[in-house]
Amino acid sequence: MQKDNPIPTRLKEARKKAGITQKELGIRIGMEPSSASGRMNHYEKGRHTPDIGTLRRMADELNVPLNYFFCESELSASLACAIDKMSDEDKAALIEQLTHKPEKS
């Protein structure tokens, strides 16, 4: 069973949260103003999938980590954003906490 592509949903959610239009986002990431809205609409509808460079520019503009676009659940997407905002030290501590196995008695 093939899962749906999460990119269109994540892209639309992040753009709406940022409070910008499809056209505005397209222009901000370097698209021609005359085609920005249409191209972004195709990405959000899942008709086309942006290449990794375009996704990276979108992530930067929308202030989300690149992996956010690939999260299949809301929980994973929220977690990706929260982790991205952590310092490297806090990320390392979280990894330690999650992978630490209590010693057997």
PDB file of N, CA and C in Angstrom:
ATOM      1  N   MET A   1       0.832  -1.180   0.000  1.00  0.00           N
ATOM      2  CA  MET A   1       0.000   0.000   0.000  1.00  0.00           C
ATOM      3  C   MET A   1       0.887   1.258   0.000  1.00  0.00           C
ATOM      4  N   GLN A   2       0.686   2.113  -0.968  1.00  0.00           N
ATOM      5  CA  GLN A   2       1.476   3.336  -1.080  1.00  0.00           C
ATOM      6  C   GLN A   2       0.797   4.460  -0.305  1.00  0.00           C
ATOM      7  N   LYS A   3       1.583   5.152   0.487  1.00  0.00           N
ATOM      8  CA  LYS A   3       1.047   6.281   1.258  1.00  0.00           C
ATOM      9  C   LYS A   3       1.042   7.531   0.393  1.00  0.00           C
ATOM     10  N   ASP A   4       0.144   8.432   0.740  1.00  0.00           N
ATOM     11  CA  ASP A   4       0.074   9.705   0.029  1.00  0.00           C
ATOM     12  C   ASP A   4       1.327  10.530   0.295  1.00  0.00           C
ATOM     13  N   ASN A   5       1.659  11.365  -0.662  1.00  0.00           N
ATOM     14  CA  ASN A   5       2.785  12.280  -0.538  1.00  0.00           C
ATOM     15  C   ASN A   5       2.427  13.344   0.510  1.00  0.00           C
ATOM     16  N   PRO A   6       3.214  13.462   1.589  1.00  0.00           N
ATOM     17  CA  PRO A   6       2.882  14.445   2.623  1.00  0.00           C
ATOM     18  C   PRO A   6       3.259  15.881   2.266  1.00  0.00           C
ATOM     19  N   ILE A   7       4.043  16.084   1.232  1.00  0.00           N
ATOM     20  CA  ILE A   7       4.552  17.419   0.904  1.00  0.00           C
ATOM     21  C   ILE A   7       3.445  18.441   0.659  1.00  0.00           C
ATOM     22  N   PRO A   8       2.424  18.147  -0.156  1.00  0.00           N
ATOM     23  CA  PRO A   8       1.396  19.175  -0.387  1.00  0.00           C
ATOM     24  C   PRO A   8       0.709  19.654   0.897  1.00  0.00           C
ATOM     25  N   THR A   9       0.361  18.732   1.759  1.00  0.00           N
ATOM     26  CA  THR A   9      -0.306  19.095   3.008  1.00  0.00           C
ATOM     27  C   THR A   9       0.600  19.923   3.899  1.00  0.00           C
ATOM     28  N   ARG A  10       1.837  19.477   4.075  1.00  0.00           N
ATOM     29  CA  ARG A  10       2.789  20.194   4.936  1.00  0.00           C
ATOM     30  C   ARG A  10       3.071  21.583   4.375  1.00  0.00           C
ATOM     31  N   LEU A  11       3.235  21.679   3.067  1.00  0.00           N
ATOM     32  CA  LEU A  11       3.527  22.969   2.445  1.00  0.00           C
ATOM     33  C   LEU A  11       2.388  23.957   2.692  1.00  0.00           C
ATOM     34  N   LYS A  12       1.164  23.514   2.459  1.00  0.00           N
ATOM     35  CA  LYS A  12       0.010  24.405   2.643  1.00  0.00           C
ATOM     36  C   LYS A  12      -0.115  24.821   4.112  1.00  0.00           C
ATOM     37  N   GLU A  13       0.059  23.873   5.032  1.00  0.00           N
ATOM     38  CA  GLU A  13      -0.036  24.185   6.457  1.00  0.00           C
ATOM     39  C   GLU A  13       1.012  25.214   6.875  1.00  0.00           C
ATOM     40  N   ALA A  14       2.253  25.013   6.447  1.00  0.00           N
ATOM     41  CA  ALA A  14       3.328  25.936   6.829  1.00  0.00           C
ATOM     42  C   ALA A  14       3.125  27.319   6.215  1.00  0.00           C
ATOM     43  N   ARG A  15       2.667  27.341   4.978  1.00  0.00           N
ATOM     44  CA  ARG A  15       2.442  28.633   4.308  1.00  0.00           C
ATOM     45  C   ARG A  15       1.315  29.401   4.992  1.00  0.00           C
ATOM     46  N   LYS A  16       0.229  28.709   5.297  1.00  0.00           N
ATOM     47  CA  LYS A  16      -0.901  29.377   5.968  1.00  0.00           C
ATOM     48  C   LYS A  16      -0.497  29.857   7.367  1.00  0.00           C
ATOM     49  N   LYS A  17       0.281  29.048   8.072  1.00  0.00           N
ATOM     50  CA  LYS A  17       0.747  29.443   9.394  1.00  0.00           C
ATOM     51  C   LYS A  17       1.611  30.701   9.306  1.00  0.00           C
ATOM     52  N   ALA A  18       2.398  30.822   8.227  1.00  0.00           N
ATOM     53  CA  ALA A  18       3.244  31.996   8.015  1.00  0.00           C
ATOM     54  C   ALA A  18       2.422  33.209   7.569  1.00  0.00           C
ATOM     55  N   GLY A  19       1.176  32.968   7.163  1.00  0.00           N
ATOM     56  CA  GLY A  19       0.296  34.067   6.770  1.00  0.00           C
ATOM     57  C   GLY A  19       0.635  34.708   5.441  1.00  0.00           C
ATOM     58  N   ILE A  20       1.126  33.901   4.500  1.00  0.00           N
ATOM     59  CA  ILE A  20       1.464  34.444   3.188  1.00  0.00           C
ATOM     60  C   ILE A  20       0.714  33.691   2.089  1.00  0.00           C
ATOM     61  N   THR A  21       0.563  34.338   0.960  1.00  0.00           N
ATOM     62  CA  THR A  21      -0.134  33.730  -0.175  1.00  0.00           C
ATOM     63  C   THR A  21       0.815  32.812  -0.947  1.00  0.00           C
ATOM     64  N   GLN A  22       0.224  32.000  -1.797  1.00  0.00           N
ATOM     65  CA  GLN A  22       1.033  31.139  -2.657  1.00  0.00           C
ATOM     66  C   GLN A  22       1.964  31.990  -3.517  1.00  0.00           C
ATOM     67  N   LYS A  23       1.422  33.042  -4.086  1.00  0.00           N
ATOM     68  CA  LYS A  23       2.222  33.915  -4.948  1.00  0.00           C
ATOM     69  C   LYS A  23       3.379  34.536  -4.178  1.00  0.00           C
ATOM     70  N   GLU A  24       3.087  35.024  -2.977  1.00  0.00           N
ATOM     71  CA  GLU A  24       4.127  35.659  -2.177  1.00  0.00           C
ATOM     72  C   GLU A  24       5.253  34.682  -1.849  1.00  0.00           C
ATOM     73  N   LEU A  25       4.890  33.470  -1.468  1.00  0.00           N
ATOM     74  CA  LEU A  25       5.915  32.471  -1.175  1.00  0.00           C
ATOM     75  C   LEU A  25       6.748  32.180  -2.411  1.00  0.00           C
ATOM     76  N   GLY A  26       6.072  31.989  -3.531  1.00  0.00           N
ATOM     77  CA  GLY A  26       6.791  31.714  -4.775  1.00  0.00           C
ATOM     78  C   GLY A  26       7.787  32.808  -5.122  1.00  0.00           C
ATOM     79  N   ILE A  27       7.355  34.038  -4.998  1.00  0.00           N
ATOM     80  CA  ILE A  27       8.234  35.181  -5.307  1.00  0.00           C
ATOM     81  C   ILE A  27       9.408  35.224  -4.332  1.00  0.00           C
ATOM     82  N   ARG A  28       9.125  34.996  -3.048  1.00  0.00           N
ATOM     83  CA  ARG A  28      10.188  35.037  -2.038  1.00  0.00           C
ATOM     84  C   ARG A  28      11.268  33.981  -2.266  1.00  0.00           C
ATOM     85  N   ILE A  29      10.898  32.858  -2.887  1.00  0.00           N
ATOM     86  CA  ILE A  29      11.903  31.814  -3.120  1.00  0.00           C
ATOM     87  C   ILE A  29      12.497  31.886  -4.525  1.00  0.00           C
ATOM     88  N   GLY A  30      12.163  32.964  -5.263  1.00  0.00           N
ATOM     89  CA  GLY A  30      12.828  33.212  -6.536  1.00  0.00           C
ATOM     90  C   GLY A  30      12.056  32.880  -7.794  1.00  0.00           C
ATOM     91  N   MET A  31      10.765  32.612  -7.681  1.00  0.00           N
ATOM     92  CA  MET A  31       9.968  32.336  -8.874  1.00  0.00           C
ATOM     93  C   MET A  31       9.558  33.648  -9.531  1.00  0.00           C
ATOM     94  N   GLU A  32       9.300  33.570 -10.830  1.00  0.00           N
ATOM     95  CA  GLU A  32       8.801  34.732 -11.561  1.00  0.00           C
ATOM     96  C   GLU A  32       7.413  35.087 -11.036  1.00  0.00           C
ATOM     97  N   PRO A  33       7.156  36.370 -10.800  1.00  0.00           N
ATOM     98  CA  PRO A  33       5.847  36.774 -10.276  1.00  0.00           C
ATOM     99  C   PRO A  33       4.662  36.278 -11.115  1.00  0.00           C
ATOM    100  N   SER A  34       4.841  36.210 -12.425  1.00  0.00           N
ATOM    101  CA  SER A  34       3.731  35.806 -13.301  1.00  0.00           C
ATOM    102  C   SER A  34       3.366  34.328 -13.165  1.00  0.00           C
ATOM    103  N   SER A  35       4.296  33.510 -12.687  1.00  0.00           N
ATOM    104  CA  SER A  35       4.015  32.070 -12.577  1.00  0.00           C
ATOM    105  C   SER A  35       4.043  31.551 -11.142  1.00  0.00           C
ATOM    106  N   ALA A  36       4.396  32.397 -10.186  1.00  0.00           N
ATOM    107  CA  ALA A  36       4.588  31.955  -8.802  1.00  0.00           C
ATOM    108  C   ALA A  36       3.337  31.321  -8.208  1.00  0.00           C
ATOM    109  N   SER A  37       2.201  31.964  -8.339  1.00  0.00           N
ATOM    110  CA  SER A  37       0.966  31.455  -7.752  1.00  0.00           C
ATOM    111  C   SER A  37       0.582  30.107  -8.359  1.00  0.00           C
ATOM    112  N   GLY A  38       0.637  30.013  -9.653  1.00  0.00           N
ATOM    113  CA  GLY A  38       0.283  28.768 -10.335  1.00  0.00           C
ATOM    114  C   GLY A  38       1.200  27.615  -9.967  1.00  0.00           C
ATOM    115  N   ARG A  39       2.491  27.875  -9.911  1.00  0.00           N
ATOM    116  CA  ARG A  39       3.446  26.810  -9.548  1.00  0.00           C
ATOM    117  C   ARG A  39       3.232  26.347  -8.119  1.00  0.00           C
ATOM    118  N   MET A  40       3.058  27.303  -7.214  1.00  0.00           N
ATOM    119  CA  MET A  40       2.834  26.935  -5.814  1.00  0.00           C
ATOM    120  C   MET A  40       1.527  26.162  -5.672  1.00  0.00           C
ATOM    121  N   ASN A  41       0.513  26.542  -6.428  1.00  0.00           N
ATOM    122  CA  ASN A  41      -0.757  25.830  -6.389  1.00  0.00           C
ATOM    123  C   ASN A  41      -0.581  24.381  -6.834  1.00  0.00           C
ATOM    124  N   HIS A  42       0.212  24.169  -7.858  1.00  0.00           N
ATOM    125  CA  HIS A  42       0.489  22.803  -8.329  1.00  0.00           C
ATOM    126  C   HIS A  42       1.196  21.989  -7.245  1.00  0.00           C
ATOM    127  N   TYR A  43       2.112  22.604  -6.527  1.00  0.00           N
ATOM    128  CA  TYR A  43       2.804  21.902  -5.438  1.00  0.00           C
ATOM    129  C   TYR A  43       1.832  21.553  -4.312  1.00  0.00           C
ATOM    130  N   GLU A  44       0.971  22.505  -3.952  1.00  0.00           N
ATOM    131  CA  GLU A  44       0.031  22.270  -2.852  1.00  0.00           C
ATOM    132  C   GLU A  44      -1.075  21.289  -3.224  1.00  0.00           C
ATOM    133  N   LYS A  45      -1.390  21.179  -4.484  1.00  0.00           N
ATOM    134  CA  LYS A  45      -2.410  20.224  -4.939  1.00  0.00           C
ATOM    135  C   LYS A  45      -1.802  18.845  -5.218  1.00  0.00           C
ATOM    136  N   GLY A  46      -0.474  18.759  -5.198  1.00  0.00           N
ATOM    137  CA  GLY A  46       0.193  17.484  -5.450  1.00  0.00           C
ATOM    138  C   GLY A  46       0.309  17.121  -6.918  1.00  0.00           C
ATOM    139  N   ARG A  47       0.053  18.073  -7.796  1.00  0.00           N
ATOM    140  CA  ARG A  47       0.183  17.812  -9.239  1.00  0.00           C
ATOM    141  C   ARG A  47       1.644  17.703  -9.648  1.00  0.00           C
ATOM    142  N   HIS A  48       2.484  18.464  -8.963  1.00  0.00           N
ATOM    143  CA  HIS A  48       3.927  18.430  -9.183  1.00  0.00           C
ATOM    144  C   HIS A  48       4.602  18.395  -7.819  1.00  0.00           C
ATOM    145  N   THR A  49       5.799  17.838  -7.791  1.00  0.00           N
ATOM    146  CA  THR A  49       6.579  17.799  -6.552  1.00  0.00           C
ATOM    147  C   THR A  49       7.810  18.672  -6.738  1.00  0.00           C
ATOM    148  N   PRO A  50       8.041  19.604  -5.822  1.00  0.00           N
ATOM    149  CA  PRO A  50       9.216  20.472  -5.959  1.00  0.00           C
ATOM    150  C   PRO A  50      10.512  19.687  -5.782  1.00  0.00           C
ATOM    151  N   ASP A  51      11.560  20.128  -6.467  1.00  0.00           N
ATOM    152  CA  ASP A  51      12.866  19.490  -6.279  1.00  0.00           C
ATOM    153  C   ASP A  51      13.411  19.870  -4.911  1.00  0.00           C
ATOM    154  N   ILE A  52      14.464  19.203  -4.505  1.00  0.00           N
ATOM    155  CA  ILE A  52      15.003  19.384  -3.154  1.00  0.00           C
ATOM    156  C   ILE A  52      15.492  20.813  -2.914  1.00  0.00           C
ATOM    157  N   GLY A  53      16.048  21.452  -3.915  1.00  0.00           N
ATOM    158  CA  GLY A  53      16.508  22.833  -3.762  1.00  0.00           C
ATOM    159  C   GLY A  53      15.345  23.780  -3.515  1.00  0.00           C
ATOM    160  N   THR A  54      14.255  23.580  -4.239  1.00  0.00           N
ATOM    161  CA  THR A  54      13.065  24.397  -4.057  1.00  0.00           C
ATOM    162  C   THR A  54      12.469  24.146  -2.679  1.00  0.00           C
ATOM    163  N   LEU A  55      12.415  22.881  -2.269  1.00  0.00           N
ATOM    164  CA  LEU A  55      11.908  22.551  -0.932  1.00  0.00           C
ATOM    165  C   LEU A  55      12.752  23.207   0.153  1.00  0.00           C
ATOM    166  N   ARG A  56      14.057  23.209  -0.052  1.00  0.00           N
ATOM    167  CA  ARG A  56      14.959  23.817   0.940  1.00  0.00           C
ATOM    168  C   ARG A  56      14.692  25.321   1.058  1.00  0.00           C
ATOM    169  N   ARG A  57      14.505  25.994  -0.079  1.00  0.00           N
ATOM    170  CA  ARG A  57      14.206  27.430  -0.053  1.00  0.00           C
ATOM    171  C   ARG A  57      12.858  27.687   0.625  1.00  0.00           C
ATOM    172  N   MET A  58      11.879  26.824   0.361  1.00  0.00           N
ATOM    173  CA  MET A  58      10.567  26.950   1.013  1.00  0.00           C
ATOM    174  C   MET A  58      10.712  26.768   2.523  1.00  0.00           C
ATOM    175  N   ALA A  59      11.460  25.751   2.925  1.00  0.00           N
ATOM    176  CA  ALA A  59      11.661  25.491   4.358  1.00  0.00           C
ATOM    177  C   ALA A  59      12.293  26.706   5.030  1.00  0.00           C
ATOM    178  N   ASP A  60      13.311  27.263   4.410  1.00  0.00           N
ATOM    179  CA  ASP A  60      13.976  28.444   4.971  1.00  0.00           C
ATOM    180  C   ASP A  60      13.001  29.611   5.085  1.00  0.00           C
ATOM    181  N   GLU A  61      12.232  29.835   4.039  1.00  0.00           N
ATOM    182  CA  GLU A  61      11.295  30.962   4.022  1.00  0.00           C
ATOM    183  C   GLU A  61      10.158  30.768   5.026  1.00  0.00           C
ATOM    184  N   LEU A  62       9.731  29.522   5.219  1.00  0.00           N
ATOM    185  CA  LEU A  62       8.612  29.232   6.115  1.00  0.00           C
ATOM    186  C   LEU A  62       9.060  28.908   7.539  1.00  0.00           C
ATOM    187  N   ASN A  63      10.368  28.941   7.763  1.00  0.00           N
ATOM    188  CA  ASN A  63      10.940  28.702   9.088  1.00  0.00           C
ATOM    189  C   ASN A  63      10.571  27.322   9.649  1.00  0.00           C
ATOM    190  N   VAL A  64      10.696  26.315   8.787  1.00  0.00           N
ATOM    191  CA  VAL A  64      10.510  24.926   9.206  1.00  0.00           C
ATOM    192  C   VAL A  64      11.726  24.134   8.733  1.00  0.00           C
ATOM    193  N   PRO A  65      12.043  23.021   9.397  1.00  0.00           N
ATOM    194  CA  PRO A  65      13.155  22.206   8.914  1.00  0.00           C
ATOM    195  C   PRO A  65      12.752  21.481   7.631  1.00  0.00           C
ATOM    196  N   LEU A  66      13.706  21.161   6.807  1.00  0.00           N
ATOM    197  CA  LEU A  66      13.435  20.475   5.548  1.00  0.00           C
ATOM    198  C   LEU A  66      12.657  19.177   5.771  1.00  0.00           C
ATOM    199  N   ASN A  67      13.012  18.416   6.819  1.00  0.00           N
ATOM    200  CA  ASN A  67      12.342  17.133   7.039  1.00  0.00           C
ATOM    201  C   ASN A  67      10.876  17.283   7.418  1.00  0.00           C
ATOM    202  N   TYR A  68      10.446  18.475   7.806  1.00  0.00           N
ATOM    203  CA  TYR A  68       9.041  18.741   8.113  1.00  0.00           C
ATOM    204  C   TYR A  68       8.141  18.333   6.948  1.00  0.00           C
ATOM    205  N   PHE A  69       8.575  18.609   5.730  1.00  0.00           N
ATOM    206  CA  PHE A  69       7.768  18.322   4.544  1.00  0.00           C
ATOM    207  C   PHE A  69       7.533  16.831   4.324  1.00  0.00           C
ATOM    208  N   PHE A  70       8.347  15.996   4.937  1.00  0.00           N
ATOM    209  CA  PHE A  70       8.243  14.551   4.723  1.00  0.00           C
ATOM    210  C   PHE A  70       7.539  13.820   5.866  1.00  0.00           C
ATOM    211  N   CYS A  71       7.135  14.544   6.900  1.00  0.00           N
ATOM    212  CA  CYS A  71       6.461  13.931   8.054  1.00  0.00           C
ATOM    213  C   CYS A  71       5.051  13.507   7.662  1.00  0.00           C
ATOM    214  N   GLU A  72       4.720  12.274   7.984  1.00  0.00           N
ATOM    215  CA  GLU A  72       3.407  11.746   7.605  1.00  0.00           C
ATOM    216  C   GLU A  72       2.332  11.983   8.655  1.00  0.00           C
ATOM    217  N   SER A  73       2.716  12.373   9.869  1.00  0.00           N
ATOM    218  CA  SER A  73       1.719  12.642  10.901  1.00  0.00           C
ATOM    219  C   SER A  73       1.942  14.036  11.482  1.00  0.00           C
ATOM    220  N   GLU A  74       0.877  14.575  12.054  1.00  0.00           N
ATOM    221  CA  GLU A  74       0.971  15.889  12.692  1.00  0.00           C
ATOM    222  C   GLU A  74       1.954  15.853  13.856  1.00  0.00           C
ATOM    223  N   LEU A  75       1.930  14.760  14.599  1.00  0.00           N
ATOM    224  CA  LEU A  75       2.826  14.626  15.745  1.00  0.00           C
ATOM    225  C   LEU A  75       4.294  14.659  15.306  1.00  0.00           C
ATOM    226  N   SER A  76       4.609  13.921  14.260  1.00  0.00           N
ATOM    227  CA  SER A  76       5.983  13.915  13.741  1.00  0.00           C
ATOM    228  C   SER A  76       6.385  15.288  13.213  1.00  0.00           C
ATOM    229  N   ALA A  77       5.459  15.970  12.555  1.00  0.00           N
ATOM    230  CA  ALA A  77       5.744  17.306  12.022  1.00  0.00           C
ATOM    231  C   ALA A  77       6.017  18.285  13.159  1.00  0.00           C
ATOM    232  N   SER A  78       5.203  18.225  14.209  1.00  0.00           N
ATOM    233  CA  SER A  78       5.404  19.103  15.366  1.00  0.00           C
ATOM    234  C   SER A  78       6.727  18.801  16.049  1.00  0.00           C
ATOM    235  N   LEU A  79       7.039  17.529  16.173  1.00  0.00           N
ATOM    236  CA  LEU A  79       8.286  17.114  16.799  1.00  0.00           C
ATOM    237  C   LEU A  79       9.491  17.590  15.982  1.00  0.00           C
ATOM    238  N   ALA A  80       9.413  17.463  14.661  1.00  0.00           N
ATOM    239  CA  ALA A  80      10.511  17.921  13.794  1.00  0.00           C
ATOM    240  C   ALA A  80      10.766  19.415  13.988  1.00  0.00           C
ATOM    241  N   CYS A  81       9.699  20.197  14.078  1.00  0.00           N
ATOM    242  CA  CYS A  81       9.847  21.644  14.273  1.00  0.00           C
ATOM    243  C   CYS A  81      10.423  21.964  15.648  1.00  0.00           C
ATOM    244  N   ALA A  82       9.954  21.255  16.678  1.00  0.00           N
ATOM    245  CA  ALA A  82      10.448  21.496  18.036  1.00  0.00           C
ATOM    246  C   ALA A  82      11.923  21.144  18.149  1.00  0.00           C
ATOM    247  N   ILE A  83      12.315  20.013  17.591  1.00  0.00           N
ATOM    248  CA  ILE A  83      13.711  19.585  17.657  1.00  0.00           C
ATOM    249  C   ILE A  83      14.606  20.557  16.891  1.00  0.00           C
ATOM    250  N   ASP A  84      14.123  21.039  15.759  1.00  0.00           N
ATOM    251  CA  ASP A  84      14.912  21.960  14.942  1.00  0.00           C
ATOM    252  C   ASP A  84      15.267  23.240  15.705  1.00  0.00           C
ATOM    253  N   LYS A  85      14.412  23.656  16.611  1.00  0.00           N
ATOM    254  CA  LYS A  85      14.640  24.892  17.362  1.00  0.00           C
ATOM    255  C   LYS A  85      15.556  24.694  18.573  1.00  0.00           C
ATOM    256  N   MET A  86      15.889  23.443  18.880  1.00  0.00           N
ATOM    257  CA  MET A  86      16.743  23.149  20.038  1.00  0.00           C
ATOM    258  C   MET A  86      18.210  23.424  19.710  1.00  0.00           C
ATOM    259  N   SER A  87      18.993  23.698  20.743  1.00  0.00           N
ATOM    260  CA  SER A  87      20.445  23.849  20.563  1.00  0.00           C
ATOM    261  C   SER A  87      21.039  22.469  20.304  1.00  0.00           C
ATOM    262  N   ASP A  88      22.245  22.442  19.761  1.00  0.00           N
ATOM    263  CA  ASP A  88      22.912  21.157  19.518  1.00  0.00           C
ATOM    264  C   ASP A  88      23.120  20.395  20.820  1.00  0.00           C
ATOM    265  N   GLU A  89      23.413  21.126  21.896  1.00  0.00           N
ATOM    266  CA  GLU A  89      23.609  20.480  23.197  1.00  0.00           C
ATOM    267  C   GLU A  89      22.319  19.823  23.673  1.00  0.00           C
ATOM    268  N   ASP A  90      21.203  20.538  23.511  1.00  0.00           N
ATOM    269  CA  ASP A  90      19.917  19.978  23.914  1.00  0.00           C
ATOM    270  C   ASP A  90      19.526  18.788  23.035  1.00  0.00           C
ATOM    271  N   LYS A  91      19.855  18.854  21.757  1.00  0.00           N
ATOM    272  CA  LYS A  91      19.576  17.726  20.859  1.00  0.00           C
ATOM    273  C   LYS A  91      20.372  16.500  21.297  1.00  0.00           C
ATOM    274  N   ALA A  92      21.648  16.709  21.625  1.00  0.00           N
ATOM    275  CA  ALA A  92      22.493  15.598  22.081  1.00  0.00           C
ATOM    276  C   ALA A  92      21.954  15.010  23.386  1.00  0.00           C
ATOM    277  N   ALA A  93      21.507  15.861  24.286  1.00  0.00           N
ATOM    278  CA  ALA A  93      20.942  15.385  25.560  1.00  0.00           C
ATOM    279  C   ALA A  93      19.653  14.604  25.316  1.00  0.00           C
ATOM    280  N   LEU A  94      18.845  15.055  24.377  1.00  0.00           N
ATOM    281  CA  LEU A  94      17.608  14.342  24.056  1.00  0.00           C
ATOM    282  C   LEU A  94      17.916  12.965  23.471  1.00  0.00           C
ATOM    283  N   ILE A  95      18.878  12.909  22.580  1.00  0.00           N
ATOM    284  CA  ILE A  95      19.275  11.619  22.008  1.00  0.00           C
ATOM    285  C   ILE A  95      19.747  10.678  23.107  1.00  0.00           C
ATOM    286  N   GLU A  96      20.556  11.195  24.006  1.00  0.00           N
ATOM    287  CA  GLU A  96      21.043  10.385  25.123  1.00  0.00           C
ATOM    288  C   GLU A  96      19.881   9.881  25.969  1.00  0.00           C
ATOM    289  N   GLN A  97      18.955  10.762  26.248  1.00  0.00           N
ATOM    290  CA  GLN A  97      17.802  10.388  27.066  1.00  0.00           C
ATOM    291  C   GLN A  97      16.948   9.325  26.370  1.00  0.00           C
ATOM    292  N   LEU A  98      16.753   9.480  25.074  1.00  0.00           N
ATOM    293  CA  LEU A  98      15.912   8.546  24.337  1.00  0.00           C
ATOM    294  C   LEU A  98      16.576   7.195  24.097  1.00  0.00           C
ATOM    295  N   THR A  99      17.884   7.195  24.024  1.00  0.00           N
ATOM    296  CA  THR A  99      18.589   5.941  23.733  1.00  0.00           C
ATOM    297  C   THR A  99      19.186   5.290  24.969  1.00  0.00           C
ATOM    298  N   HIS A 100      19.158   5.976  26.089  1.00  0.00           N
ATOM    299  CA  HIS A 100      19.716   5.423  27.328  1.00  0.00           C
ATOM    300  C   HIS A 100      18.838   4.282  27.818  1.00  0.00           C
ATOM    301  N   LYS A 101      19.486   3.162  28.050  1.00  0.00           N
ATOM    302  CA  LYS A 101      18.759   2.011  28.557  1.00  0.00           C
ATOM    303  C   LYS A 101      19.143   1.828  30.016  1.00  0.00           C
ATOM    304  N   PRO A 102      18.151   1.747  30.891  1.00  0.00           N
ATOM    305  CA  PRO A 102      18.469   1.545  32.306  1.00  0.00           C
ATOM    306  C   PRO A 102      19.237   0.238  32.502  1.00  0.00           C
ATOM    307  N   GLU A 103      20.173   0.289  33.442  1.00  0.00           N
ATOM    308  CA  GLU A 103      20.954  -0.920  33.729  1.00  0.00           C
ATOM    309  C   GLU A 103      20.063  -1.947  34.420  1.00  0.00           C
ATOM    310  N   LYS A 104      20.312  -3.211  34.072  1.00  0.00           N
ATOM    311  CA  LYS A 104      19.536  -4.288  34.676  1.00  0.00           C
ATOM    312  C   LYS A 104      20.077  -4.551  36.081  1.00  0.00           C
ATOM    313  N   SER A 105      19.172  -4.855  36.997  1.00  0.00           N
ATOM    314  CA  SER A 105      19.578  -5.131  38.383  1.00  0.00           C
ATOM    315  C   SER A 105      19.970  -6.571  38.545  1.00  0.00           C
TER     316      SER A 105
END
